[in-house]
């Protein structure tokens, strides 16, 4: 079963649009980017990812998403199946 995660991204002031565009252009090798949305509230961009395992998901976050210029901080929420 694939692992799905939501990456909540905080950007530098004035960089939200550029970060959102850059996220949409990412093509991580072993991870599927399901959605990239610029949002209002405490976070600026939310990225929905899916990978075959947690290590691949983490690699995408640390090697792709966090390296986008203008990304200040990320918080990752993993989807779980309860019940």
PDB file of N, CA and C in Angstrom:
ATOM      1  N   UNK A   1       0.845  -1.179   0.000  1.00  0.00           N
ATOM      2  CA  UNK A   1       0.000   0.000   0.000  1.00  0.00           C
ATOM      3  C   UNK A   1       0.893   1.245   0.000  1.00  0.00           C
ATOM      4  N   UNK A   2       0.640   2.192  -0.903  1.00  0.00           N
ATOM      5  CA  UNK A   2       1.461   3.405  -0.967  1.00  0.00           C
ATOM      6  C   UNK A   2       1.310   4.256   0.298  1.00  0.00           C
ATOM      7  N   UNK A   3       2.345   5.025   0.568  1.00  0.00           N
ATOM      8  CA  UNK A   3       2.347   5.977   1.678  1.00  0.00           C
ATOM      9  C   UNK A   3       1.973   7.335   1.100  1.00  0.00           C
ATOM     10  N   UNK A   4       1.001   8.004   1.712  1.00  0.00           N
ATOM     11  CA  UNK A   4       0.590   9.327   1.262  1.00  0.00           C
ATOM     12  C   UNK A   4       0.938  10.343   2.336  1.00  0.00           C
ATOM     13  N   UNK A   5       1.466  11.466   1.903  1.00  0.00           N
ATOM     14  CA  UNK A   5       1.825  12.524   2.837  1.00  0.00           C
ATOM     15  C   UNK A   5       1.398  13.881   2.324  1.00  0.00           C
ATOM     16  N   UNK A   6       1.170  14.770   3.255  1.00  0.00           N
ATOM     17  CA  UNK A   6       0.847  16.160   2.966  1.00  0.00           C
ATOM     18  C   UNK A   6       1.996  16.989   3.509  1.00  0.00           C
ATOM     19  N   UNK A   7       2.661  17.732   2.641  1.00  0.00           N
ATOM     20  CA  UNK A   7       3.785  18.555   3.054  1.00  0.00           C
ATOM     21  C   UNK A   7       3.296  19.995   3.122  1.00  0.00           C
ATOM     22  N   UNK A   8       3.295  20.541   4.327  1.00  0.00           N
ATOM     23  CA  UNK A   8       2.857  21.908   4.574  1.00  0.00           C
ATOM     24  C   UNK A   8       4.096  22.794   4.513  1.00  0.00           C
ATOM     25  N   UNK A   9       4.106  23.728   3.585  1.00  0.00           N
ATOM     26  CA  UNK A   9       5.309  24.504   3.284  1.00  0.00           C
ATOM     27  C   UNK A   9       5.118  25.957   3.705  1.00  0.00           C
ATOM     28  N   UNK A  10       6.095  26.464   4.445  1.00  0.00           N
ATOM     29  CA  UNK A  10       6.160  27.890   4.748  1.00  0.00           C
ATOM     30  C   UNK A  10       7.231  28.485   3.843  1.00  0.00           C
ATOM     31  N   UNK A  11       6.920  29.615   3.220  1.00  0.00           N
ATOM     32  CA  UNK A  11       7.851  30.242   2.289  1.00  0.00           C
ATOM     33  C   UNK A  11       8.359  31.568   2.842  1.00  0.00           C
ATOM     34  N   UNK A  12       9.420  32.057   2.236  1.00  0.00           N
ATOM     35  CA  UNK A  12       9.900  33.396   2.549  1.00  0.00           C
ATOM     36  C   UNK A  12       8.843  34.398   2.082  1.00  0.00           C
ATOM     37  N   UNK A  13       8.779  35.531   2.740  1.00  0.00           N
ATOM     38  CA  UNK A  13       7.803  36.564   2.393  1.00  0.00           C
ATOM     39  C   UNK A  13       7.958  36.941   0.921  1.00  0.00           C
ATOM     40  N   UNK A  14       6.833  36.958   0.212  1.00  0.00           N
ATOM     41  CA  UNK A  14       6.823  37.350  -1.191  1.00  0.00           C
ATOM     42  C   UNK A  14       7.239  36.259  -2.173  1.00  0.00           C
ATOM     43  N   UNK A  15       7.484  35.047  -1.691  1.00  0.00           N
ATOM     44  CA  UNK A  15       7.960  33.984  -2.573  1.00  0.00           C
ATOM     45  C   UNK A  15       6.934  32.876  -2.811  1.00  0.00           C
ATOM     46  N   UNK A  16       5.720  33.018  -2.286  1.00  0.00           N
ATOM     47  CA  UNK A  16       4.739  31.929  -2.360  1.00  0.00           C
ATOM     48  C   UNK A  16       4.432  31.508  -3.790  1.00  0.00           C
ATOM     49  N   UNK A  17       4.166  32.462  -4.672  1.00  0.00           N
ATOM     50  CA  UNK A  17       3.835  32.103  -6.061  1.00  0.00           C
ATOM     51  C   UNK A  17       4.990  31.384  -6.741  1.00  0.00           C
ATOM     52  N   UNK A  18       6.200  31.881  -6.551  1.00  0.00           N
ATOM     53  CA  UNK A  18       7.369  31.268  -7.181  1.00  0.00           C
ATOM     54  C   UNK A  18       7.596  29.856  -6.635  1.00  0.00           C
ATOM     55  N   UNK A  19       7.427  29.678  -5.334  1.00  0.00           N
ATOM     56  CA  UNK A  19       7.597  28.353  -4.739  1.00  0.00           C
ATOM     57  C   UNK A  19       6.526  27.403  -5.270  1.00  0.00           C
ATOM     58  N   UNK A  20       5.288  27.860  -5.326  1.00  0.00           N
ATOM     59  CA  UNK A  20       4.204  27.020  -5.861  1.00  0.00           C
ATOM     60  C   UNK A  20       4.484  26.581  -7.285  1.00  0.00           C
ATOM     61  N   UNK A  21       4.941  27.505  -8.117  1.00  0.00           N
ATOM     62  CA  UNK A  21       5.275  27.161  -9.511  1.00  0.00           C
ATOM     63  C   UNK A  21       6.410  26.145  -9.567  1.00  0.00           C
ATOM     64  N   UNK A  22       7.442  26.370  -8.766  1.00  0.00           N
ATOM     65  CA  UNK A  22       8.584  25.456  -8.760  1.00  0.00           C
ATOM     66  C   UNK A  22       8.171  24.058  -8.286  1.00  0.00           C
ATOM     67  N   UNK A  23       7.276  24.001  -7.305  1.00  0.00           N
ATOM     68  CA  UNK A  23       6.805  22.696  -6.812  1.00  0.00           C
ATOM     69  C   UNK A  23       6.062  21.949  -7.916  1.00  0.00           C
ATOM     70  N   UNK A  24       5.251  22.669  -8.695  1.00  0.00           N
ATOM     71  CA  UNK A  24       4.489  22.035  -9.775  1.00  0.00           C
ATOM     72  C   UNK A  24       5.400  21.490 -10.868  1.00  0.00           C
ATOM     73  N   UNK A  25       6.597  22.050 -11.003  1.00  0.00           N
ATOM     74  CA  UNK A  25       7.536  21.616 -12.031  1.00  0.00           C
ATOM     75  C   UNK A  25       8.433  20.470 -11.579  1.00  0.00           C
ATOM     76  N   UNK A  26       8.442  20.167 -10.273  1.00  0.00           N
ATOM     77  CA  UNK A  26       9.269  19.068  -9.772  1.00  0.00           C
ATOM     78  C   UNK A  26       8.816  17.739 -10.367  1.00  0.00           C
ATOM     79  N   UNK A  27       9.778  16.891 -10.681  1.00  0.00           N
ATOM     80  CA  UNK A  27       9.494  15.549 -11.171  1.00  0.00           C
ATOM     81  C   UNK A  27      10.347  14.559 -10.379  1.00  0.00           C
ATOM     82  N   UNK A  28       9.989  14.329  -9.099  1.00  0.00           N
ATOM     83  CA  UNK A  28      10.790  13.399  -8.294  1.00  0.00           C
ATOM     84  C   UNK A  28      10.764  12.001  -8.894  1.00  0.00           C
ATOM     85  N   UNK A  29      11.884  11.315  -8.787  1.00  0.00           N
ATOM     86  CA  UNK A  29      12.057  10.017  -9.438  1.00  0.00           C
ATOM     87  C   UNK A  29      11.073   8.954  -8.959  1.00  0.00           C
ATOM     88  N   UNK A  30      10.945   8.737  -7.676  1.00  0.00           N
ATOM     89  CA  UNK A  30      10.169   7.599  -7.170  1.00  0.00           C
ATOM     90  C   UNK A  30       8.956   8.024  -6.350  1.00  0.00           C
ATOM     91  N   UNK A  31       8.518   9.259  -6.548  1.00  0.00           N
ATOM     92  CA  UNK A  31       7.393   9.790  -5.773  1.00  0.00           C
ATOM     93  C   UNK A  31       6.395  10.425  -6.727  1.00  0.00           C
ATOM     94  N   UNK A  32       5.126  10.243  -6.456  1.00  0.00           N
ATOM     95  CA  UNK A  32       4.084  10.857  -7.266  1.00  0.00           C
ATOM     96  C   UNK A  32       3.564  12.106  -6.561  1.00  0.00           C
ATOM     97  N   UNK A  33       3.590  13.233  -7.253  1.00  0.00           N
ATOM     98  CA  UNK A  33       3.036  14.468  -6.715  1.00  0.00           C
ATOM     99  C   UNK A  33       1.579  14.524  -7.162  1.00  0.00           C
ATOM    100  N   UNK A  34       0.671  14.373  -6.223  1.00  0.00           N
ATOM    101  CA  UNK A  34      -0.747  14.314  -6.543  1.00  0.00           C
ATOM    102  C   UNK A  34      -1.379  15.690  -6.656  1.00  0.00           C
ATOM    103  N   UNK A  35      -0.890  16.645  -5.869  1.00  0.00           N
ATOM    104  CA  UNK A  35      -1.448  17.996  -5.911  1.00  0.00           C
ATOM    105  C   UNK A  35      -0.458  18.977  -5.302  1.00  0.00           C
ATOM    106  N   UNK A  36      -0.483  20.206  -5.825  1.00  0.00           N
ATOM    107  CA  UNK A  36       0.277  21.315  -5.256  1.00  0.00           C
ATOM    108  C   UNK A  36      -0.686  22.492  -5.215  1.00  0.00           C
ATOM    109  N   UNK A  37      -0.961  22.985  -4.012  1.00  0.00           N
ATOM    110  CA  UNK A  37      -1.899  24.088  -3.857  1.00  0.00           C
ATOM    111  C   UNK A  37      -1.274  25.218  -3.054  1.00  0.00           C
ATOM    112  N   UNK A  38      -1.414  26.454  -3.544  1.00  0.00           N
ATOM    113  CA  UNK A  38      -1.066  27.604  -2.727  1.00  0.00           C
ATOM    114  C   UNK A  38      -2.308  27.918  -1.896  1.00  0.00           C
ATOM    115  N   UNK A  39      -2.094  28.210  -0.622  1.00  0.00           N
ATOM    116  CA  UNK A  39      -3.205  28.348   0.310  1.00  0.00           C
ATOM    117  C   UNK A  39      -3.016  29.571   1.200  1.00  0.00           C
ATOM    118  N   UNK A  40      -4.062  29.920   1.924  1.00  0.00           N
ATOM    119  CA  UNK A  40      -3.970  30.968   2.932  1.00  0.00           C
ATOM    120  C   UNK A  40      -3.906  30.314   4.300  1.00  0.00           C
ATOM    121  N   UNK A  41      -3.495  31.077   5.293  1.00  0.00           N
ATOM    122  CA  UNK A  41      -3.405  30.549   6.647  1.00  0.00           C
ATOM    123  C   UNK A  41      -1.961  30.451   7.095  1.00  0.00           C
ATOM    124  N   UNK A  42      -1.680  29.585   8.057  1.00  0.00           N
ATOM    125  CA  UNK A  42      -0.318  29.518   8.608  1.00  0.00           C
ATOM    126  C   UNK A  42       0.706  28.907   7.644  1.00  0.00           C
ATOM    127  N   UNK A  43       0.249  28.217   6.608  1.00  0.00           N
ATOM    128  CA  UNK A  43       1.145  27.653   5.607  1.00  0.00           C
ATOM    129  C   UNK A  43       0.855  28.317   4.272  1.00  0.00           C
ATOM    130  N   UNK A  44       1.805  28.230   3.356  1.00  0.00           N
ATOM    131  CA  UNK A  44       1.686  28.922   2.072  1.00  0.00           C
ATOM    132  C   UNK A  44       1.424  27.990   0.892  1.00  0.00           C
ATOM    133  N   UNK A  45       1.978  26.789   0.962  1.00  0.00           N
ATOM    134  CA  UNK A  45       1.813  25.798  -0.102  1.00  0.00           C
ATOM    135  C   UNK A  45       1.601  24.447   0.564  1.00  0.00           C
ATOM    136  N   UNK A  46       0.686  23.652   0.016  1.00  0.00           N
ATOM    137  CA  UNK A  46       0.494  22.281   0.490  1.00  0.00           C
ATOM    138  C   UNK A  46       0.723  21.344  -0.694  1.00  0.00           C
ATOM    139  N   UNK A  47       1.595  20.369  -0.491  1.00  0.00           N
ATOM    140  CA  UNK A  47       1.927  19.396  -1.531  1.00  0.00           C
ATOM    141  C   UNK A  47       1.440  18.028  -1.069  1.00  0.00           C
ATOM    142  N   UNK A  48       0.692  17.355  -1.913  1.00  0.00           N
ATOM    143  CA  UNK A  48       0.226  16.005  -1.610  1.00  0.00           C
ATOM    144  C   UNK A  48       1.091  15.025  -2.395  1.00  0.00           C
ATOM    145  N   UNK A  49       1.750  14.111  -1.664  1.00  0.00           N
ATOM    146  CA  UNK A  49       2.679  13.152  -2.265  1.00  0.00           C
ATOM    147  C   UNK A  49       2.239  11.725  -2.015  1.00  0.00           C
ATOM    148  N   UNK A  50       2.719  10.830  -2.854  1.00  0.00           N
ATOM    149  CA  UNK A  50       2.503   9.406  -2.647  1.00  0.00           C
ATOM    150  C   UNK A  50       3.765   8.671  -3.095  1.00  0.00           C
ATOM    151  N   UNK A  51       4.189   7.692  -2.289  1.00  0.00           N
ATOM    152  CA  UNK A  51       5.374   6.896  -2.619  1.00  0.00           C
ATOM    153  C   UNK A  51       5.145   5.469  -2.156  1.00  0.00           C
ATOM    154  N   UNK A  52       5.969   4.571  -2.651  1.00  0.00           N
ATOM    155  CA  UNK A  52       5.831   3.159  -2.293  1.00  0.00           C
ATOM    156  C   UNK A  52       6.295   2.859  -0.878  1.00  0.00           C
ATOM    157  N   UNK A  53       7.160   3.706  -0.325  1.00  0.00           N
ATOM    158  CA  UNK A  53       7.560   3.520   1.070  1.00  0.00           C
ATOM    159  C   UNK A  53       7.959   4.855   1.691  1.00  0.00           C
ATOM    160  N   UNK A  54       8.103   4.861   3.000  1.00  0.00           N
ATOM    161  CA  UNK A  54       8.369   6.078   3.750  1.00  0.00           C
ATOM    162  C   UNK A  54       9.727   6.679   3.400  1.00  0.00           C
ATOM    163  N   UNK A  55      10.720   5.845   3.137  1.00  0.00           N
ATOM    164  CA  UNK A  55      12.042   6.362   2.782  1.00  0.00           C
ATOM    165  C   UNK A  55      12.006   7.164   1.482  1.00  0.00           C
ATOM    166  N   UNK A  56      11.278   6.680   0.496  1.00  0.00           N
ATOM    167  CA  UNK A  56      11.165   7.405  -0.774  1.00  0.00           C
ATOM    168  C   UNK A  56      10.436   8.731  -0.587  1.00  0.00           C
ATOM    169  N   UNK A  57       9.407   8.723   0.249  1.00  0.00           N
ATOM    170  CA  UNK A  57       8.674   9.955   0.538  1.00  0.00           C
ATOM    171  C   UNK A  57       9.610  10.961   1.212  1.00  0.00           C
ATOM    172  N   UNK A  58      10.347  10.499   2.211  1.00  0.00           N
ATOM    173  CA  UNK A  58      11.281  11.373   2.919  1.00  0.00           C
ATOM    174  C   UNK A  58      12.365  11.919   2.017  1.00  0.00           C
ATOM    175  N   UNK A  59      12.846  11.098   1.111  1.00  0.00           N
ATOM    176  CA  UNK A  59      13.878  11.537   0.172  1.00  0.00           C
ATOM    177  C   UNK A  59      13.360  12.660  -0.718  1.00  0.00           C
ATOM    178  N   UNK A  60      12.139  12.550  -1.185  1.00  0.00           N
ATOM    179  CA  UNK A  60      11.541  13.599  -2.007  1.00  0.00           C
ATOM    180  C   UNK A  60      11.452  14.908  -1.229  1.00  0.00           C
ATOM    181  N   UNK A  61      11.055  14.812   0.029  1.00  0.00           N
ATOM    182  CA  UNK A  61      10.911  16.017   0.845  1.00  0.00           C
ATOM    183  C   UNK A  61      12.264  16.685   1.067  1.00  0.00           C
ATOM    184  N   UNK A  62      13.262  15.905   1.472  1.00  0.00           N
ATOM    185  CA  UNK A  62      14.555  16.500   1.813  1.00  0.00           C
ATOM    186  C   UNK A  62      15.406  16.859   0.601  1.00  0.00           C
ATOM    187  N   UNK A  63      15.291  16.097  -0.483  1.00  0.00           N
ATOM    188  CA  UNK A  63      16.152  16.350  -1.636  1.00  0.00           C
ATOM    189  C   UNK A  63      15.499  17.170  -2.740  1.00  0.00           C
ATOM    190  N   UNK A  64      14.181  17.238  -2.754  1.00  0.00           N
ATOM    191  CA  UNK A  64      13.494  17.999  -3.801  1.00  0.00           C
ATOM    192  C   UNK A  64      12.765  19.214  -3.216  1.00  0.00           C
ATOM    193  N   UNK A  65      11.781  18.976  -2.375  1.00  0.00           N
ATOM    194  CA  UNK A  65      10.924  20.054  -1.881  1.00  0.00           C
ATOM    195  C   UNK A  65      11.699  21.069  -1.053  1.00  0.00           C
ATOM    196  N   UNK A  66      12.491  20.616  -0.091  1.00  0.00           N
ATOM    197  CA  UNK A  66      13.186  21.557   0.786  1.00  0.00           C
ATOM    198  C   UNK A  66      14.297  22.325   0.083  1.00  0.00           C
ATOM    199  N   UNK A  67      14.687  21.890  -1.083  1.00  0.00           N
ATOM    200  CA  UNK A  67      15.744  22.584  -1.835  1.00  0.00           C
ATOM    201  C   UNK A  67      15.210  23.645  -2.792  1.00  0.00           C
ATOM    202  N   UNK A  68      13.900  23.768  -2.895  1.00  0.00           N
ATOM    203  CA  UNK A  68      13.319  24.802  -3.761  1.00  0.00           C
ATOM    204  C   UNK A  68      13.636  26.170  -3.145  1.00  0.00           C
ATOM    205  N   UNK A  69      14.204  27.091  -3.925  1.00  0.00           N
ATOM    206  CA  UNK A  69      14.502  28.419  -3.389  1.00  0.00           C
ATOM    207  C   UNK A  69      13.236  29.103  -2.859  1.00  0.00           C
ATOM    208  N   UNK A  70      13.333  29.648  -1.663  1.00  0.00           N
ATOM    209  CA  UNK A  70      12.197  30.327  -1.051  1.00  0.00           C
ATOM    210  C   UNK A  70      11.482  29.494  -0.010  1.00  0.00           C
ATOM    211  N   UNK A  71      11.769  28.183   0.054  1.00  0.00           N
ATOM    212  CA  UNK A  71      11.164  27.337   1.082  1.00  0.00           C
ATOM    213  C   UNK A  71      11.885  27.610   2.395  1.00  0.00           C
ATOM    214  N   UNK A  72      11.106  27.966   3.397  1.00  0.00           N
ATOM    215  CA  UNK A  72      11.678  28.278   4.691  1.00  0.00           C
ATOM    216  C   UNK A  72      11.598  27.089   5.651  1.00  0.00           C
ATOM    217  N   UNK A  73      10.450  26.399   5.639  1.00  0.00           N
ATOM    218  CA  UNK A  73      10.237  25.299   6.591  1.00  0.00           C
ATOM    219  C   UNK A  73       9.143  24.388   6.035  1.00  0.00           C
ATOM    220  N   UNK A  74       9.238  23.093   6.364  1.00  0.00           N
ATOM    221  CA  UNK A  74       8.189  22.150   5.984  1.00  0.00           C
ATOM    222  C   UNK A  74       7.726  21.364   7.202  1.00  0.00           C
ATOM    223  N   UNK A  75       6.466  20.980   7.170  1.00  0.00           N
ATOM    224  CA  UNK A  75       5.873  20.081   8.154  1.00  0.00           C
ATOM    225  C   UNK A  75       5.163  19.001   7.364  1.00  0.00           C
ATOM    226  N   UNK A  76       5.417  17.748   7.699  1.00  0.00           N
ATOM    227  CA  UNK A  76       4.821  16.647   6.946  1.00  0.00           C
ATOM    228  C   UNK A  76       3.798  15.909   7.782  1.00  0.00           C
ATOM    229  N   UNK A  77       2.627  15.689   7.218  1.00  0.00           N
ATOM    230  CA  UNK A  77       1.562  14.915   7.860  1.00  0.00           C
ATOM    231  C   UNK A  77       1.341  13.659   7.020  1.00  0.00           C
ATOM    232  N   UNK A  78       1.454  12.493   7.646  1.00  0.00           N
ATOM    233  CA  UNK A  78       1.247  11.232   6.939  1.00  0.00           C
ATOM    234  C   UNK A  78      -0.196  10.777   7.066  1.00  0.00           C
ATOM    235  N   UNK A  79      -0.734  10.281   5.985  1.00  0.00           N
ATOM    236  CA  UNK A  79      -2.074   9.730   5.986  1.00  0.00           C
ATOM    237  C   UNK A  79      -2.033   8.332   6.590  1.00  0.00           C
ATOM    238  N   UNK A  80      -3.003   8.027   7.453  1.00  0.00           N
ATOM    239  CA  UNK A  80      -3.060   6.707   8.094  1.00  0.00           C
ATOM    240  C   UNK A  80      -4.448   6.109   7.900  1.00  0.00           C
ATOM    241  N   UNK A  81      -4.506   4.800   7.914  1.00  0.00           N
ATOM    242  CA  UNK A  81      -5.783   4.094   7.813  1.00  0.00           C
ATOM    243  C   UNK A  81      -6.184   3.674   9.219  1.00  0.00           C
ATOM    244  N   UNK A  82      -7.212   4.280   9.767  1.00  0.00           N
ATOM    245  CA  UNK A  82      -7.680   3.940  11.113  1.00  0.00           C
ATOM    246  C   UNK A  82      -8.943   3.099  11.004  1.00  0.00           C
ATOM    247  N   UNK A  83      -8.981   2.053  11.805  1.00  0.00           N
ATOM    248  CA  UNK A  83     -10.198   1.244  11.859  1.00  0.00           C
ATOM    249  C   UNK A  83     -10.228   0.205  10.870  1.00  0.00           C
TER     250      UNK A  83
END
